[in-house]
C-alpha atoms as a PDB file:
ATOM      1  CA  MET A   1      53.106  18.675  20.268  1.00  0.00           C
ATOM      2  CA  GLN A   2      54.273  15.403  21.813  1.00  0.00           C
ATOM      3  CA  LEU A   3      51.177  13.946  23.453  1.00  0.00           C
ATOM      4  CA  ASN A   4      52.248  10.872  25.400  1.00  0.00           C
ATOM      5  CA  PHE A   5      49.768   9.147  27.709  1.00  0.00           C
ATOM      6  CA  LYS A   6      52.511   7.426  29.693  1.00  0.00           C
ATOM      7  CA  GLU A   7      54.136  10.800  30.438  1.00  0.00           C
ATOM      8  CA  ILE A   8      50.742  12.280  31.339  1.00  0.00           C
ATOM      9  CA  ALA A   9      50.008   9.386  33.705  1.00  0.00           C
ATOM     10  CA  THR A  10      53.460   9.489  35.303  1.00  0.00           C
ATOM     11  CA  ALA A  11      53.475  13.291  35.672  1.00  0.00           C
ATOM     12  CA  SER A  12      49.931  13.159  37.088  1.00  0.00           C
ATOM     13  CA  MET A  13      50.903  10.579  39.694  1.00  0.00           C
ATOM     14  CA  ILE A  14      54.041  12.499  40.652  1.00  0.00           C
ATOM     15  CA  LEU A  15      52.119  15.757  41.028  1.00  0.00           C
ATOM     16  CA  PHE A  16      49.343  13.988  42.923  1.00  0.00           C
ATOM     17  CA  ALA A  17      51.901  12.615  45.366  1.00  0.00           C
ATOM     18  CA  VAL A  18      53.689  15.971  45.758  1.00  0.00           C
ATOM     19  CA  ILE A  19      50.523  18.039  46.105  1.00  0.00           C
ATOM     20  CA  ASP A  20      49.294  15.391  48.572  1.00  0.00           C
ATOM     21  CA  ILE A  21      45.762  16.726  48.645  1.00  0.00           C
ATOM     22  CA  ILE A  22      44.629  13.509  50.371  1.00  0.00           C
ATOM     23  CA  GLY A  23      47.212  13.958  53.125  1.00  0.00           C
ATOM     24  CA  SER A  24      46.178  17.595  53.418  1.00  0.00           C
ATOM     25  CA  VAL A  25      42.550  16.731  54.224  1.00  0.00           C
ATOM     26  CA  PRO A  26      43.134  17.183  57.990  1.00  0.00           C
ATOM     27  CA  ILE A  27      44.627  20.643  57.339  1.00  0.00           C
ATOM     28  CA  ILE A  28      41.711  21.530  55.032  1.00  0.00           C
ATOM     29  CA  ILE A  29      39.202  20.385  57.650  1.00  0.00           C
ATOM     30  CA  ASP A  30      40.987  22.512  60.256  1.00  0.00           C
ATOM     31  CA  LEU A  31      40.927  25.559  57.941  1.00  0.00           C
ATOM     32  CA  ARG A  32      37.190  25.037  57.317  1.00  0.00           C
ATOM     33  CA  GLN A  33      36.556  24.874  61.069  1.00  0.00           C
ATOM     34  CA  LYS A  34      38.535  28.077  61.691  1.00  0.00           C
ATOM     35  CA  ASN A  35      37.033  30.025  58.772  1.00  0.00           C
ATOM     36  CA  GLY A  36      33.610  28.463  58.323  1.00  0.00           C
ATOM     37  CA  HIS A  37      33.988  28.288  54.539  1.00  0.00           C
ATOM     38  CA  LEU A  38      36.784  27.887  52.018  1.00  0.00           C
ATOM     39  CA  ARG A  39      36.411  28.996  48.427  1.00  0.00           C
ATOM     40  CA  SER A  40      37.356  25.779  46.625  1.00  0.00           C
ATOM     41  CA  GLY A  41      37.069  27.308  43.159  1.00  0.00           C
ATOM     42  CA  LEU A  42      39.265  30.296  43.990  1.00  0.00           C
ATOM     43  CA  ALA A  43      41.906  28.108  45.641  1.00  0.00           C
ATOM     44  CA  SER A  44      41.951  25.770  42.624  1.00  0.00           C
ATOM     45  CA  ILE A  45      42.204  28.594  40.075  1.00  0.00           C
ATOM     46  CA  VAL A  46      44.998  30.375  41.971  1.00  0.00           C
ATOM     47  CA  ALA A  47      46.931  27.096  42.283  1.00  0.00           C
ATOM     48  CA  LEU A  48      46.417  26.361  38.561  1.00  0.00           C
ATOM     49  CA  VAL A  49      47.675  29.802  37.529  1.00  0.00           C
ATOM     50  CA  LEU A  50      50.725  29.545  39.800  1.00  0.00           C
ATOM     51  CA  MET A  51      51.650  26.109  38.456  1.00  0.00           C
ATOM     52  CA  VAL A  52      51.160  27.021  34.776  1.00  0.00           C
ATOM     53  CA  VAL A  53      53.098  30.284  35.088  1.00  0.00           C
ATOM     54  CA  PHE A  54      55.950  28.519  36.860  1.00  0.00           C
ATOM     55  CA  LEU A  55      55.949  25.690  34.301  1.00  0.00           C
ATOM     56  CA  PHE A  56      56.486  28.134  31.432  1.00  0.00           C
ATOM     57  CA  LEU A  57      58.437  30.966  33.101  1.00  0.00           C
ATOM     58  CA  GLY A  58      60.235  29.173  35.921  1.00  0.00           C
ATOM     59  CA  GLU A  59      63.198  28.239  33.740  1.00  0.00           C
ATOM     60  CA  ASN A  60      63.575  31.851  32.528  1.00  0.00           C
ATOM     61  CA  ILE A  61      63.438  33.114  36.083  1.00  0.00           C
ATOM     62  CA  LEU A  62      66.130  30.617  37.039  1.00  0.00           C
ATOM     63  CA  ALA A  63      68.281  31.584  34.038  1.00  0.00           C
ATOM     64  CA  LEU A  64      68.008  35.202  35.096  1.00  0.00           C
ATOM     65  CA  ILE A  65      69.707  34.317  38.375  1.00  0.00           C
ATOM     66  CA  GLY A  66      72.156  31.850  36.804  1.00  0.00           C
ATOM     67  CA  ILE A  67      70.676  28.519  37.880  1.00  0.00           C
ATOM     68  CA  THR A  68      70.097  25.609  35.472  1.00  0.00           C
ATOM     69  CA  VAL A  69      67.025  23.386  35.481  1.00  0.00           C
ATOM     70  CA  GLY A  70      69.320  20.508  36.491  1.00  0.00           C
ATOM     71  CA  ASP A  71      70.540  22.479  39.512  1.00  0.00           C
ATOM     72  CA  PHE A  72      66.962  23.332  40.423  1.00  0.00           C
ATOM     73  CA  ALA A  73      65.923  19.697  39.926  1.00  0.00           C
ATOM     74  CA  ILE A  74      68.628  18.539  42.360  1.00  0.00           C
ATOM     75  CA  ALA A  75      67.545  21.167  44.890  1.00  0.00           C
ATOM     76  CA  GLY A  76      63.948  20.144  44.220  1.00  0.00           C
ATOM     77  CA  SER A  77      64.764  16.506  44.836  1.00  0.00           C
ATOM     78  CA  LEU A  78      66.002  17.500  48.289  1.00  0.00           C
ATOM     79  CA  VAL A  79      62.784  19.446  48.969  1.00  0.00           C
ATOM     80  CA  ILE A  80      60.726  16.457  47.796  1.00  0.00           C
ATOM     81  CA  PHE A  81      62.886  14.195  49.978  1.00  0.00           C
ATOM     82  CA  PHE A  82      62.039  16.241  53.071  1.00  0.00           C
ATOM     83  CA  ILE A  83      58.334  16.404  52.158  1.00  0.00           C
ATOM     84  CA  ALA A  84      58.411  12.596  51.879  1.00  0.00           C
ATOM     85  CA  LEU A  85      60.061  12.352  55.297  1.00  0.00           C
ATOM     86  CA  GLU A  86      57.306  14.537  56.757  1.00  0.00           C
ATOM     87  CA  MET A  87      54.686  12.238  55.251  1.00  0.00           C
ATOM     88  CA  ILE A  88      56.347   8.987  56.300  1.00  0.00           C
ATOM     89  CA  LEU A  89      57.488   9.988  59.788  1.00  0.00           C
ATOM     90  CA  GLY A  90      54.509  12.191  60.650  1.00  0.00           C
ATOM     91  CA  ILE A  91      56.673  15.180  61.518  1.00  0.00           C
ATOM     92  CA  GLN A  92      56.422  18.797  60.414  1.00  0.00           C
ATOM     93  CA  LEU A  93      59.592  20.417  59.120  1.00  0.00           C
ATOM     94  CA  TYR A  94      57.892  23.329  57.371  1.00  0.00           C
ATOM     95  CA  LYS A  95      55.804  25.681  59.509  1.00  0.00           C
ATOM     96  CA  GLU A  96      53.045  27.755  57.912  1.00  0.00           C
ATOM     97  CA  ASP A  97      51.356  31.000  58.925  1.00  0.00           C
ATOM     98  CA  ASP A  98      47.653  31.174  58.209  1.00  0.00           C
ATOM     99  CA  SER A  99      45.387  34.202  58.121  1.00  0.00           C
ATOM    100  CA  PRO A 100      41.648  33.491  58.438  1.00  0.00           C
ATOM    101  CA  SER A 101      40.643  36.227  55.972  1.00  0.00           C
ATOM    102  CA  THR A 102      42.689  34.837  53.087  1.00  0.00           C
ATOM    103  CA  ALA A 103      42.687  31.105  53.909  1.00  0.00           C
ATOM    104  CA  SER A 104      41.404  30.109  50.442  1.00  0.00           C
ATOM    105  CA  VAL A 105      44.523  31.564  48.842  1.00  0.00           C
ATOM    106  CA  VAL A 106      47.083  31.414  51.656  1.00  0.00           C
ATOM    107  CA  PRO A 107      47.799  28.724  52.882  1.00  0.00           C
ATOM    108  CA  LEU A 108      45.386  26.642  50.773  1.00  0.00           C
ATOM    109  CA  ALA A 109      46.329  27.548  47.163  1.00  0.00           C
ATOM    110  CA  PHE A 110      49.860  28.544  48.159  1.00  0.00           C
ATOM    111  CA  PRO A 111      51.792  26.818  49.693  1.00  0.00           C
ATOM    112  CA  LEU A 112      49.519  23.828  50.409  1.00  0.00           C
ATOM    113  CA  ILE A 113      48.553  23.005  46.805  1.00  0.00           C
ATOM    114  CA  ALA A 114      51.097  24.940  44.722  1.00  0.00           C
ATOM    115  CA  GLY A 115      53.944  25.137  47.184  1.00  0.00           C
ATOM    116  CA  ALA A 116      57.697  24.891  46.857  1.00  0.00           C
ATOM    117  CA  GLY A 117      57.589  21.131  46.391  1.00  0.00           C
ATOM    118  CA  THR A 118      55.021  21.360  43.604  1.00  0.00           C
ATOM    119  CA  LEU A 119      56.822  24.173  41.770  1.00  0.00           C
ATOM    120  CA  THR A 120      60.146  22.400  42.110  1.00  0.00           C
ATOM    121  CA  THR A 121      58.587  19.204  40.818  1.00  0.00           C
ATOM    122  CA  LEU A 122      57.197  21.020  37.775  1.00  0.00           C
ATOM    123  CA  LEU A 123      60.658  22.148  36.714  1.00  0.00           C
ATOM    124  CA  SER A 124      62.057  18.714  37.453  1.00  0.00           C
ATOM    125  CA  LEU A 125      59.339  17.151  35.297  1.00  0.00           C
ATOM    126  CA  ARG A 126      60.027  19.693  32.567  1.00  0.00           C
ATOM    127  CA  ALA A 127      63.582  18.405  32.399  1.00  0.00           C
ATOM    128  CA  GLU A 128      62.233  14.940  31.512  1.00  0.00           C
ATOM    129  CA  TYR A 129      58.759  15.309  29.918  1.00  0.00           C
ATOM    130  CA  ALA A 130      57.052  17.357  27.195  1.00  0.00           C
ATOM    131  CA  GLU A 131      55.366  20.545  28.416  1.00  0.00           C
ATOM    132  CA  VAL A 132      51.971  19.602  26.944  1.00  0.00           C
ATOM    133  CA  ASN A 133      51.939  16.372  28.968  1.00  0.00           C
ATOM    134  CA  ILE A 134      52.859  18.220  32.161  1.00  0.00           C
ATOM    135  CA  LEU A 135      50.179  20.839  31.446  1.00  0.00           C
ATOM    136  CA  ILE A 136      47.541  18.103  31.097  1.00  0.00           C
ATOM    137  CA  ALA A 137      48.822  16.530  34.347  1.00  0.00           C
ATOM    138  CA  ILE A 138      48.460  19.918  36.087  1.00  0.00           C
ATOM    139  CA  ILE A 139      44.875  20.278  34.852  1.00  0.00           C
ATOM    140  CA  ILE A 140      44.034  16.714  35.965  1.00  0.00           C
ATOM    141  CA  ASN A 141      45.482  17.381  39.408  1.00  0.00           C
ATOM    142  CA  VAL A 142      43.754  20.733  39.863  1.00  0.00           C
ATOM    143  CA  GLY A 143      40.495  19.000  38.940  1.00  0.00           C
ATOM    144  CA  LEU A 144      41.173  16.353  41.593  1.00  0.00           C
ATOM    145  CA  VAL A 145      42.122  19.043  44.110  1.00  0.00           C
ATOM    146  CA  TYR A 146      38.844  20.858  43.431  1.00  0.00           C
ATOM    147  CA  LEU A 147      36.858  17.643  43.916  1.00  0.00           C
ATOM    148  CA  VAL A 148      38.630  16.877  47.188  1.00  0.00           C
ATOM    149  CA  LEU A 149      38.138  20.440  48.438  1.00  0.00           C
ATOM    150  CA  LYS A 150      34.419  20.254  47.627  1.00  0.00           C
ATOM    151  CA  THR A 151      33.956  16.832  49.269  1.00  0.00           C
ATOM    152  CA  THR A 152      36.333  17.026  52.224  1.00  0.00           C
ATOM    153  CA  GLY A 153      33.632  16.242  54.780  1.00  0.00           C
ATOM    154  CA  HIS A 154      32.484  13.115  52.940  1.00  0.00           C
ATOM    155  CA  PHE A 155      36.070  12.126  52.284  1.00  0.00           C
ATOM    156  CA  GLU A 156      36.945  12.359  55.964  1.00  0.00           C
ATOM    157  CA  ARG A 157      33.998  10.204  56.999  1.00  0.00           C
ATOM    158  CA  PHE A 158      34.752   7.593  54.312  1.00  0.00           C
ATOM    159  CA  LEU A 159      38.492   7.141  54.949  1.00  0.00           C
ATOM    160  CA  GLY A 160      38.686   7.975  58.621  1.00  0.00           C
ATOM    161  CA  LYS A 161      41.888   9.150  60.266  1.00  0.00           C
ATOM    162  CA  GLY A 162      43.521   5.740  59.848  1.00  0.00           C
ATOM    163  CA  GLY A 163      42.826   5.614  56.109  1.00  0.00           C
ATOM    164  CA  ILE A 164      44.172   9.111  55.559  1.00  0.00           C
ATOM    165  CA  ASN A 165      47.325   8.237  57.517  1.00  0.00           C
ATOM    166  CA  VAL A 166      47.887   5.071  55.465  1.00  0.00           C
ATOM    167  CA  LEU A 167      47.517   6.982  52.175  1.00  0.00           C
ATOM    168  CA  ARG A 168      49.886   9.654  53.432  1.00  0.00           C
ATOM    169  CA  LYS A 169      52.550   7.035  54.259  1.00  0.00           C
ATOM    170  CA  VAL A 170      52.150   5.266  50.894  1.00  0.00           C
ATOM    171  CA  PHE A 171      52.494   8.537  48.969  1.00  0.00           C
ATOM    172  CA  GLY A 172      55.455   9.430  51.183  1.00  0.00           C
ATOM    173  CA  ILE A 173      57.317   6.284  50.109  1.00  0.00           C
ATOM    174  CA  ILE A 174      56.514   7.024  46.455  1.00  0.00           C
ATOM    175  CA  LEU A 175      57.804  10.584  46.865  1.00  0.00           C
ATOM    176  CA  LEU A 176      60.981   9.339  48.524  1.00  0.00           C
ATOM    177  CA  ALA A 177      61.687   7.083  45.536  1.00  0.00           C
ATOM    178  CA  ILE A 178      60.933   9.973  43.143  1.00  0.00           C
ATOM    179  CA  ALA A 179      63.336  12.238  45.053  1.00  0.00           C
ATOM    180  CA  VAL A 180      66.121   9.670  44.802  1.00  0.00           C
ATOM    181  CA  LYS A 181      65.469   9.198  41.062  1.00  0.00           C
ATOM    182  CA  LEU A 182      65.453  12.964  40.380  1.00  0.00           C
ATOM    183  CA  PHE A 183      68.659  13.430  42.340  1.00  0.00           C
ATOM    184  CA  ARG A 184      70.406  10.527  40.601  1.00  0.00           C
ATOM    185  CA  THR A 185      69.194  11.526  37.118  1.00  0.00           C
ATOM    186  CA  ASN A 186      70.201  15.176  37.390  1.00  0.00           C
ATOM    187  CA  LEU A 187      73.483  14.453  39.138  1.00  0.00           C
ATOM    188  CA  GLY A 188      74.445  12.151  36.284  1.00  0.00           C
ATOM    189  CA  VAL A 189      75.181   9.157  38.527  1.00  0.00           C
END
């Protein structure tokens, strides 16, 4: 067990930026308006399970198909790069389908919270940090996600559209830098 608070803090910030629950508030508000109610607890638990399973089994799944964690990290850095571009430029590259009856799980838990970017980031983090520190970072982030899901209405009134947009841009720049670092580190440049 290699408990390291710096790794926990760094992994938590990276996951927070990738999950981008703050930037997803407008989407969450829209889902609430369409469905009347979202099950915050269910969405958080499903996202937690997906992230933990992928943290521990993702590498084995990749090995089964002949891909290394480094290869996945490079591919993940490209996914993170495009997510960052979406955040910074205010464009949508990834289109989602949403079904009102299952909105708490799809698209909220997957792919909004525990989507491709998050799962890719977990394996990328695993290449650099101890699993226990990443696991704690996941738990911290799911706790934050749950709080945001429960308080979305208050959050929207407090920040306003302008505040949410500013946070989204700031986290986009951070993600862009993370993508470049992951690419450079795993490419060996």
